[in-house]
Amino acid sequence: MPTRSRLGQLAGLLIAGLVVGITVWAPVAQASPAARFSEIQSTSPMIMQAAAVHEAPSQVPPGPVLDPADTDKANSEETKNKIIAGIIAAILLGLVILGRRSRSKAKKKK
């Protein structure tokens, strides 16, 4: 099977997309605006019934109570983890720089 160029592949995808788009959207475009409007109106009573059944409570329940001691402890642990990650990143960066420097010196000797 011969290979296709990128432009040929792109053209094929566009044509396939147009064919699929036409087959999907053609029934919607052919329906008259009055028919589409009547479909919308016929579903609205169900929506109104669902809204009436699921009324929101008059008062919102209170949110979680946060303890300042727990918050401070979590913040200190997060800071500690960030410092450790930063130190590890600096060590790895140093190793990369040293490795490149030694490799460049080895190339110059040859």
C-alpha atoms as a PDB file:
ATOM      1  CA  MET A   1       0.000   0.000   0.000  1.00  0.00           C
ATOM      2  CA  PRO A   2       1.532   3.344  -0.964  1.00  0.00           C
ATOM      3  CA  THR A   3       2.192   5.857   1.766  1.00  0.00           C
ATOM      4  CA  ARG A   4       0.217   9.074   1.788  1.00  0.00           C
ATOM      5  CA  SER A   5       1.617  12.512   2.239  1.00  0.00           C
ATOM      6  CA  ARG A   6       0.643  14.563   5.270  1.00  0.00           C
ATOM      7  CA  LEU A   7      -1.463  16.819   3.056  1.00  0.00           C
ATOM      8  CA  GLY A   8      -3.328  13.810   1.675  1.00  0.00           C
ATOM      9  CA  GLN A   9      -3.996  12.505   5.176  1.00  0.00           C
ATOM     10  CA  LEU A  10      -5.250  15.910   6.286  1.00  0.00           C
ATOM     11  CA  ALA A  11      -7.552  16.160   3.255  1.00  0.00           C
ATOM     12  CA  GLY A  12      -8.945  12.706   3.983  1.00  0.00           C
ATOM     13  CA  LEU A  13      -9.649  13.614   7.597  1.00  0.00           C
ATOM     14  CA  LEU A  14     -11.386  16.838   6.576  1.00  0.00           C
ATOM     15  CA  ILE A  15     -13.583  15.048   4.050  1.00  0.00           C
ATOM     16  CA  ALA A  16     -14.483  12.352   6.589  1.00  0.00           C
ATOM     17  CA  GLY A  17     -15.330  15.040   9.139  1.00  0.00           C
ATOM     18  CA  LEU A  18     -17.561  16.847   6.667  1.00  0.00           C
ATOM     19  CA  VAL A  19     -19.398  13.650   5.747  1.00  0.00           C
ATOM     20  CA  VAL A  20     -19.991  12.770   9.396  1.00  0.00           C
ATOM     21  CA  GLY A  21     -21.002  16.341  10.199  1.00  0.00           C
ATOM     22  CA  ILE A  22     -23.492  16.464   7.365  1.00  0.00           C
ATOM     23  CA  THR A  23     -25.101  13.159   8.349  1.00  0.00           C
ATOM     24  CA  VAL A  24     -25.380  14.189  11.995  1.00  0.00           C
ATOM     25  CA  TRP A  25     -26.573  17.785  11.540  1.00  0.00           C
ATOM     26  CA  ALA A  26     -28.781  17.350   8.447  1.00  0.00           C
ATOM     27  CA  PRO A  27     -31.880  16.096  10.351  1.00  0.00           C
ATOM     28  CA  VAL A  28     -31.560  18.976  12.812  1.00  0.00           C
ATOM     29  CA  ALA A  29     -31.257  21.553  10.032  1.00  0.00           C
ATOM     30  CA  GLN A  30     -34.221  20.116   8.098  1.00  0.00           C
ATOM     31  CA  ALA A  31     -36.627  20.357  11.025  1.00  0.00           C
ATOM     32  CA  SER A  32     -38.724  23.495  10.926  1.00  0.00           C
ATOM     33  CA  PRO A  33     -38.183  26.104  13.639  1.00  0.00           C
ATOM     34  CA  ALA A  34     -41.756  25.587  14.842  1.00  0.00           C
ATOM     35  CA  ALA A  35     -41.138  21.848  15.297  1.00  0.00           C
ATOM     36  CA  ARG A  36     -37.945  22.498  17.253  1.00  0.00           C
ATOM     37  CA  PHE A  37     -39.759  25.059  19.420  1.00  0.00           C
ATOM     38  CA  SER A  38     -42.588  22.627  20.181  1.00  0.00           C
ATOM     39  CA  GLU A  39     -40.023  20.014  21.272  1.00  0.00           C
ATOM     40  CA  ILE A  40     -38.533  22.514  23.687  1.00  0.00           C
ATOM     41  CA  GLN A  41     -41.947  23.436  25.079  1.00  0.00           C
ATOM     42  CA  SER A  42     -42.960  19.817  25.533  1.00  0.00           C
ATOM     43  CA  THR A  43     -39.987  19.135  27.809  1.00  0.00           C
ATOM     44  CA  SER A  44     -40.380  22.246  29.929  1.00  0.00           C
ATOM     45  CA  PRO A  45     -43.236  20.893  32.185  1.00  0.00           C
ATOM     46  CA  MET A  46     -41.007  17.989  33.205  1.00  0.00           C
ATOM     47  CA  ILE A  47     -38.246  20.410  34.085  1.00  0.00           C
ATOM     48  CA  MET A  48     -40.671  22.479  36.158  1.00  0.00           C
ATOM     49  CA  GLN A  49     -41.855  19.365  38.022  1.00  0.00           C
ATOM     50  CA  ALA A  50     -38.282  18.311  38.745  1.00  0.00           C
ATOM     51  CA  ALA A  51     -37.464  21.789  40.018  1.00  0.00           C
ATOM     52  CA  ALA A  52     -40.507  21.745  42.303  1.00  0.00           C
ATOM     53  CA  VAL A  53     -39.550  18.375  43.795  1.00  0.00           C
ATOM     54  CA  HIS A  54     -35.938  19.332  44.457  1.00  0.00           C
ATOM     55  CA  GLU A  55     -36.322  22.616  46.294  1.00  0.00           C
ATOM     56  CA  ALA A  56     -33.242  23.981  48.015  1.00  0.00           C
ATOM     57  CA  PRO A  57     -33.253  24.118  51.836  1.00  0.00           C
ATOM     58  CA  SER A  58     -33.829  27.561  53.306  1.00  0.00           C
ATOM     59  CA  GLN A  59     -30.600  27.496  55.339  1.00  0.00           C
ATOM     60  CA  VAL A  60     -27.219  26.396  54.107  1.00  0.00           C
ATOM     61  CA  PRO A  61     -25.504  23.941  56.455  1.00  0.00           C
ATOM     62  CA  PRO A  62     -22.320  25.311  58.050  1.00  0.00           C
ATOM     63  CA  GLY A  63     -18.987  24.442  56.479  1.00  0.00           C
ATOM     64  CA  PRO A  64     -16.169  22.522  58.116  1.00  0.00           C
ATOM     65  CA  VAL A  65     -14.534  23.981  61.211  1.00  0.00           C
ATOM     66  CA  LEU A  66     -10.805  24.463  60.735  1.00  0.00           C
ATOM     67  CA  ASP A  67      -8.489  24.190  63.707  1.00  0.00           C
ATOM     68  CA  PRO A  68      -5.617  26.722  63.486  1.00  0.00           C
ATOM     69  CA  ALA A  69      -3.187  24.249  65.098  1.00  0.00           C
ATOM     70  CA  ASP A  70      -3.898  21.651  62.409  1.00  0.00           C
ATOM     71  CA  THR A  71      -3.526  24.293  59.705  1.00  0.00           C
ATOM     72  CA  ASP A  72      -0.148  25.442  61.066  1.00  0.00           C
ATOM     73  CA  LYS A  73       1.043  21.834  61.331  1.00  0.00           C
ATOM     74  CA  ALA A  74      -0.012  21.103  57.732  1.00  0.00           C
ATOM     75  CA  ASN A  75       1.680  24.284  56.495  1.00  0.00           C
ATOM     76  CA  SER A  76       4.936  23.432  58.282  1.00  0.00           C
ATOM     77  CA  GLU A  77       4.917  19.888  56.844  1.00  0.00           C
ATOM     78  CA  GLU A  78       4.271  21.271  53.366  1.00  0.00           C
ATOM     79  CA  THR A  79       7.130  23.765  53.739  1.00  0.00           C
ATOM     80  CA  LYS A  80       9.429  20.987  54.956  1.00  0.00           C
ATOM     81  CA  ASN A  81       8.520  18.821  51.941  1.00  0.00           C
ATOM     82  CA  LYS A  82       9.154  21.726  49.555  1.00  0.00           C
ATOM     83  CA  ILE A  83      12.565  22.412  51.092  1.00  0.00           C
ATOM     84  CA  ILE A  84      13.547  18.746  50.806  1.00  0.00           C
ATOM     85  CA  ALA A  85      12.396  18.635  47.175  1.00  0.00           C
ATOM     86  CA  GLY A  86      14.343  21.830  46.428  1.00  0.00           C
ATOM     87  CA  ILE A  87      17.529  20.416  47.953  1.00  0.00           C
ATOM     88  CA  ILE A  88      17.165  17.193  45.954  1.00  0.00           C
ATOM     89  CA  ALA A  89      16.576  19.202  42.753  1.00  0.00           C
ATOM     90  CA  ALA A  90      19.695  21.313  43.432  1.00  0.00           C
ATOM     91  CA  ILE A  91      21.808  18.177  44.001  1.00  0.00           C
ATOM     92  CA  LEU A  92      20.546  16.599  40.767  1.00  0.00           C
ATOM     93  CA  LEU A  93      21.233  19.819  38.862  1.00  0.00           C
ATOM     94  CA  GLY A  94      24.762  19.867  40.273  1.00  0.00           C
ATOM     95  CA  LEU A  95      25.314  16.265  39.169  1.00  0.00           C
ATOM     96  CA  VAL A  96      24.126  17.074  35.658  1.00  0.00           C
ATOM     97  CA  ILE A  97      26.408  20.113  35.421  1.00  0.00           C
ATOM     98  CA  LEU A  98      29.410  18.148  36.732  1.00  0.00           C
ATOM     99  CA  GLY A  99      28.698  15.290  34.312  1.00  0.00           C
ATOM    100  CA  ARG A 100      28.514  17.618  31.326  1.00  0.00           C
ATOM    101  CA  ARG A 101      31.686  19.402  32.377  1.00  0.00           C
ATOM    102  CA  SER A 102      33.604  16.138  32.759  1.00  0.00           C
ATOM    103  CA  ARG A 103      32.270  14.896  29.426  1.00  0.00           C
ATOM    104  CA  SER A 104      33.309  18.082  27.656  1.00  0.00           C
ATOM    105  CA  LYS A 105      36.816  17.854  29.191  1.00  0.00           C
ATOM    106  CA  ALA A 106      37.091  14.236  28.058  1.00  0.00           C
ATOM    107  CA  LYS A 107      36.150  15.238  24.498  1.00  0.00           C
ATOM    108  CA  LYS A 108      38.770  18.011  24.475  1.00  0.00           C
ATOM    109  CA  LYS A 109      41.538  15.556  25.538  1.00  0.00           C
ATOM    110  CA  LYS A 110      40.808  13.228  22.633  1.00  0.00           C
END
